[in-house]
N, C-alpha and C. Protein backbone atom coordinates (compact mmCIF):
# COMPACT_ATOMS: atom_id res chain seq x y z
N MET A 1 -10.19 -14.52 22.92
CA MET A 1 -10.76 -13.20 22.74
C MET A 1 -10.40 -12.65 21.35
N THR A 2 -9.12 -12.76 20.95
CA THR A 2 -8.72 -12.25 19.64
C THR A 2 -9.33 -13.09 18.52
N ASN A 3 -9.59 -14.35 18.81
CA ASN A 3 -10.22 -15.22 17.83
C ASN A 3 -11.64 -14.74 17.54
N ASP A 4 -12.36 -14.29 18.58
CA ASP A 4 -13.72 -13.78 18.39
C ASP A 4 -13.71 -12.49 17.58
N VAL A 5 -12.74 -11.63 17.83
CA VAL A 5 -12.66 -10.36 17.10
C VAL A 5 -12.40 -10.62 15.62
N ASN A 6 -11.49 -11.53 15.33
CA ASN A 6 -11.20 -11.86 13.93
C ASN A 6 -12.43 -12.46 13.25
N LEU A 7 -13.17 -13.29 13.95
CA LEU A 7 -14.38 -13.88 13.39
C LEU A 7 -15.41 -12.81 13.07
N TYR A 8 -15.61 -11.89 13.99
CA TYR A 8 -16.59 -10.82 13.77
C TYR A 8 -16.17 -9.87 12.65
N MET A 9 -14.89 -9.58 12.56
CA MET A 9 -14.40 -8.69 11.49
C MET A 9 -14.55 -9.38 10.12
N THR A 10 -14.23 -10.67 10.06
CA THR A 10 -14.38 -11.41 8.81
C THR A 10 -15.84 -11.49 8.40
N LEU A 11 -16.70 -11.76 9.36
CA LEU A 11 -18.13 -11.84 9.09
C LEU A 11 -18.68 -10.49 8.62
N ALA A 12 -18.24 -9.41 9.24
CA ALA A 12 -18.70 -8.07 8.85
C ALA A 12 -18.21 -7.72 7.46
N ALA A 13 -16.94 -8.01 7.16
CA ALA A 13 -16.39 -7.70 5.84
C ALA A 13 -17.08 -8.51 4.75
N THR A 14 -17.34 -9.78 5.02
CA THR A 14 -18.02 -10.63 4.04
C THR A 14 -19.45 -10.15 3.81
N SER A 15 -20.12 -9.78 4.86
CA SER A 15 -21.50 -9.28 4.75
C SER A 15 -21.53 -7.98 3.96
N LEU A 16 -20.58 -7.09 4.23
CA LEU A 16 -20.52 -5.83 3.51
C LEU A 16 -20.24 -6.05 2.03
N ALA A 17 -19.35 -6.98 1.71
CA ALA A 17 -19.05 -7.28 0.30
C ALA A 17 -20.27 -7.87 -0.39
N GLY A 18 -20.98 -8.77 0.28
CA GLY A 18 -22.19 -9.35 -0.31
C GLY A 18 -23.26 -8.31 -0.54
N LEU A 19 -23.44 -7.43 0.41
CA LEU A 19 -24.43 -6.35 0.27
C LEU A 19 -24.05 -5.44 -0.89
N GLY A 20 -22.77 -5.18 -1.06
CA GLY A 20 -22.31 -4.35 -2.18
C GLY A 20 -22.59 -4.99 -3.52
N MET A 21 -22.38 -6.32 -3.61
CA MET A 21 -22.65 -7.01 -4.87
C MET A 21 -24.15 -7.03 -5.20
N VAL A 22 -24.98 -7.25 -4.20
CA VAL A 22 -26.43 -7.25 -4.43
C VAL A 22 -26.90 -5.85 -4.83
N THR A 23 -26.35 -4.84 -4.20
CA THR A 23 -26.72 -3.47 -4.53
C THR A 23 -26.29 -3.11 -5.94
N ALA A 24 -25.09 -3.50 -6.34
CA ALA A 24 -24.60 -3.22 -7.69
C ALA A 24 -25.47 -3.91 -8.75
N ALA A 25 -25.85 -5.16 -8.49
CA ALA A 25 -26.70 -5.88 -9.44
C ALA A 25 -28.08 -5.23 -9.54
N GLY A 26 -28.62 -4.83 -8.41
CA GLY A 26 -29.92 -4.16 -8.43
C GLY A 26 -29.87 -2.83 -9.16
N LEU A 27 -28.80 -2.07 -8.96
CA LEU A 27 -28.66 -0.79 -9.64
C LEU A 27 -28.51 -0.98 -11.14
N SER A 28 -27.79 -2.00 -11.55
CA SER A 28 -27.63 -2.28 -12.98
C SER A 28 -28.97 -2.64 -13.61
N GLY A 29 -29.74 -3.48 -12.92
CA GLY A 29 -31.07 -3.84 -13.43
C GLY A 29 -32.00 -2.65 -13.50
N TRP A 30 -31.95 -1.79 -12.51
CA TRP A 30 -32.79 -0.58 -12.47
C TRP A 30 -32.46 0.33 -13.64
N ARG A 31 -31.17 0.53 -13.89
CA ARG A 31 -30.76 1.40 -15.01
C ARG A 31 -31.20 0.82 -16.34
N SER A 32 -31.08 -0.49 -16.49
CA SER A 32 -31.51 -1.13 -17.74
C SER A 32 -33.02 -1.00 -17.93
N TRP A 33 -33.78 -1.15 -16.84
CA TRP A 33 -35.23 -1.02 -16.92
C TRP A 33 -35.61 0.41 -17.29
N LEU A 34 -34.92 1.40 -16.69
CA LEU A 34 -35.20 2.79 -17.03
C LEU A 34 -34.88 3.09 -18.49
N THR A 35 -33.79 2.53 -18.99
CA THR A 35 -33.44 2.72 -20.40
C THR A 35 -34.50 2.13 -21.31
N LEU A 36 -34.99 0.94 -20.97
CA LEU A 36 -36.05 0.31 -21.75
C LEU A 36 -37.30 1.16 -21.78
N LYS A 37 -37.73 1.66 -20.62
CA LYS A 37 -38.94 2.47 -20.56
C LYS A 37 -38.74 3.80 -21.29
N ARG A 38 -37.55 4.37 -21.21
CA ARG A 38 -37.28 5.62 -21.91
C ARG A 38 -37.39 5.42 -23.42
N GLU A 39 -36.85 4.28 -23.91
CA GLU A 39 -36.94 3.99 -25.34
C GLU A 39 -38.39 3.74 -25.76
N GLU A 40 -39.17 3.10 -24.91
CA GLU A 40 -40.58 2.88 -25.23
C GLU A 40 -41.34 4.20 -25.31
N LEU A 41 -41.02 5.12 -24.42
CA LEU A 41 -41.70 6.42 -24.43
C LEU A 41 -41.34 7.25 -25.65
N HIS A 42 -40.12 7.13 -26.11
CA HIS A 42 -39.69 7.91 -27.26
C HIS A 42 -40.01 7.22 -28.58
N GLY A 43 -40.62 6.05 -28.52
CA GLY A 43 -41.04 5.37 -29.75
C GLY A 43 -39.97 4.56 -30.42
N HIS A 44 -38.83 4.38 -29.79
CA HIS A 44 -37.80 3.55 -30.38
C HIS A 44 -38.15 2.09 -30.18
N GLN A 45 -37.59 1.29 -31.05
CA GLN A 45 -37.82 -0.15 -30.94
C GLN A 45 -37.02 -0.67 -29.76
N ALA A 46 -37.70 -1.44 -28.88
CA ALA A 46 -37.04 -2.01 -27.72
C ALA A 46 -36.13 -3.16 -28.15
N ILE A 47 -35.13 -3.43 -27.34
CA ILE A 47 -34.20 -4.51 -27.63
C ILE A 47 -34.95 -5.84 -27.58
N GLY A 48 -34.82 -6.63 -28.64
CA GLY A 48 -35.46 -7.93 -28.68
C GLY A 48 -36.91 -7.90 -29.14
N ALA A 49 -37.46 -6.72 -29.39
CA ALA A 49 -38.85 -6.62 -29.84
C ALA A 49 -38.89 -6.81 -31.35
N PRO A 50 -39.96 -7.38 -31.88
CA PRO A 50 -40.07 -7.54 -33.32
C PRO A 50 -40.25 -6.20 -34.02
N ALA A 51 -39.76 -6.12 -35.22
CA ALA A 51 -39.89 -4.88 -35.98
C ALA A 51 -41.34 -4.67 -36.40
N ALA A 52 -41.79 -3.44 -36.31
CA ALA A 52 -43.17 -3.11 -36.66
C ALA A 52 -43.28 -2.92 -38.17
N ASP A 53 -44.36 -3.42 -38.76
CA ASP A 53 -44.61 -3.24 -40.18
C ASP A 53 -45.19 -1.86 -40.40
N ALA A 54 -44.45 -1.02 -41.12
CA ALA A 54 -44.92 0.33 -41.35
C ALA A 54 -45.67 0.44 -42.68
N GLY A 55 -45.42 -0.51 -43.58
CA GLY A 55 -46.02 -0.43 -44.90
C GLY A 55 -47.23 -1.31 -45.06
N VAL A 56 -47.61 -1.48 -46.32
CA VAL A 56 -48.74 -2.32 -46.69
C VAL A 56 -48.33 -3.78 -46.52
N PRO A 57 -49.23 -4.63 -45.99
CA PRO A 57 -48.87 -6.04 -45.84
C PRO A 57 -48.61 -6.71 -47.19
N THR A 58 -47.70 -7.63 -47.19
CA THR A 58 -47.35 -8.33 -48.42
C THR A 58 -48.42 -9.38 -48.75
N ALA A 59 -48.35 -9.91 -49.95
CA ALA A 59 -49.32 -10.93 -50.38
C ALA A 59 -49.20 -12.17 -49.52
N ALA A 60 -47.98 -12.54 -49.15
CA ALA A 60 -47.78 -13.73 -48.33
C ALA A 60 -48.42 -13.56 -46.95
N SER A 61 -48.28 -12.38 -46.38
CA SER A 61 -48.88 -12.17 -45.06
C SER A 61 -50.40 -12.12 -45.15
N ARG A 62 -50.93 -11.61 -46.25
CA ARG A 62 -52.38 -11.60 -46.43
C ARG A 62 -52.92 -13.03 -46.55
N ILE A 63 -52.20 -13.87 -47.28
CA ILE A 63 -52.61 -15.27 -47.42
C ILE A 63 -52.55 -15.97 -46.08
N GLU A 64 -51.50 -15.70 -45.32
CA GLU A 64 -51.36 -16.32 -44.01
C GLU A 64 -52.49 -15.89 -43.07
N ILE A 65 -52.86 -14.63 -43.10
CA ILE A 65 -53.95 -14.14 -42.26
C ILE A 65 -55.28 -14.77 -42.67
N ALA A 66 -55.49 -14.88 -43.99
CA ALA A 66 -56.72 -15.52 -44.47
C ALA A 66 -56.77 -16.98 -44.04
N ASP A 67 -55.63 -17.67 -44.09
CA ASP A 67 -55.58 -19.06 -43.66
C ASP A 67 -55.88 -19.18 -42.16
N LEU A 68 -55.33 -18.29 -41.38
CA LEU A 68 -55.60 -18.31 -39.94
C LEU A 68 -57.07 -18.04 -39.64
N LYS A 69 -57.67 -17.11 -40.38
CA LYS A 69 -59.10 -16.83 -40.19
C LYS A 69 -59.95 -18.05 -40.53
N GLU A 70 -59.58 -18.75 -41.59
CA GLU A 70 -60.32 -19.95 -41.98
C GLU A 70 -60.19 -21.04 -40.92
N ARG A 71 -58.98 -21.22 -40.39
CA ARG A 71 -58.79 -22.21 -39.32
C ARG A 71 -59.62 -21.84 -38.09
N LEU A 72 -59.63 -20.57 -37.76
CA LEU A 72 -60.41 -20.11 -36.61
C LEU A 72 -61.89 -20.36 -36.82
N ARG A 73 -62.39 -20.10 -38.04
CA ARG A 73 -63.79 -20.34 -38.34
C ARG A 73 -64.14 -21.81 -38.18
N LYS A 74 -63.24 -22.68 -38.66
CA LYS A 74 -63.48 -24.12 -38.53
C LYS A 74 -63.46 -24.56 -37.06
N LEU A 75 -62.53 -24.04 -36.28
CA LEU A 75 -62.47 -24.39 -34.87
C LEU A 75 -63.70 -23.92 -34.11
N GLU A 76 -64.19 -22.72 -34.47
CA GLU A 76 -65.41 -22.23 -33.83
C GLU A 76 -66.61 -23.08 -34.20
N ALA A 77 -66.65 -23.56 -35.44
CA ALA A 77 -67.74 -24.43 -35.86
C ALA A 77 -67.69 -25.76 -35.13
N ILE A 78 -66.51 -26.29 -34.96
CA ILE A 78 -66.34 -27.55 -34.22
C ILE A 78 -66.78 -27.34 -32.77
N ALA A 79 -66.39 -26.22 -32.17
CA ALA A 79 -66.75 -25.96 -30.78
C ALA A 79 -68.26 -25.78 -30.63
N ALA A 80 -68.91 -25.24 -31.64
CA ALA A 80 -70.35 -25.02 -31.57
C ALA A 80 -71.12 -26.29 -31.91
N GLY A 81 -70.42 -27.31 -32.41
CA GLY A 81 -71.08 -28.57 -32.74
C GLY A 81 -71.68 -28.60 -34.13
N VAL A 82 -71.28 -27.69 -34.98
CA VAL A 82 -71.79 -27.65 -36.36
C VAL A 82 -70.97 -28.60 -37.21
N ASP A 83 -71.65 -29.41 -38.02
CA ASP A 83 -70.95 -30.36 -38.88
C ASP A 83 -70.59 -29.64 -40.18
N LEU A 84 -69.29 -29.67 -40.53
CA LEU A 84 -68.86 -28.99 -41.75
C LEU A 84 -69.07 -29.88 -42.90
């Protein structure tokens, strides 16, 4: 009889501890998500997000964009069956 009581008390304590850990992890994730959304609403840069270009694009970025456009044009021509 006492063996059953000890088993049930141990099982209840372990279950309660596990539930507490899952709840703490969920609360931590929820707070982090709220912080992220709050920063997005206020216009701050999110953690891990790339920095936004506020100025005029540089010459290197313009060349890179032109190169990408040319590649895209060639791929579209290939897809359409046009011989370059």
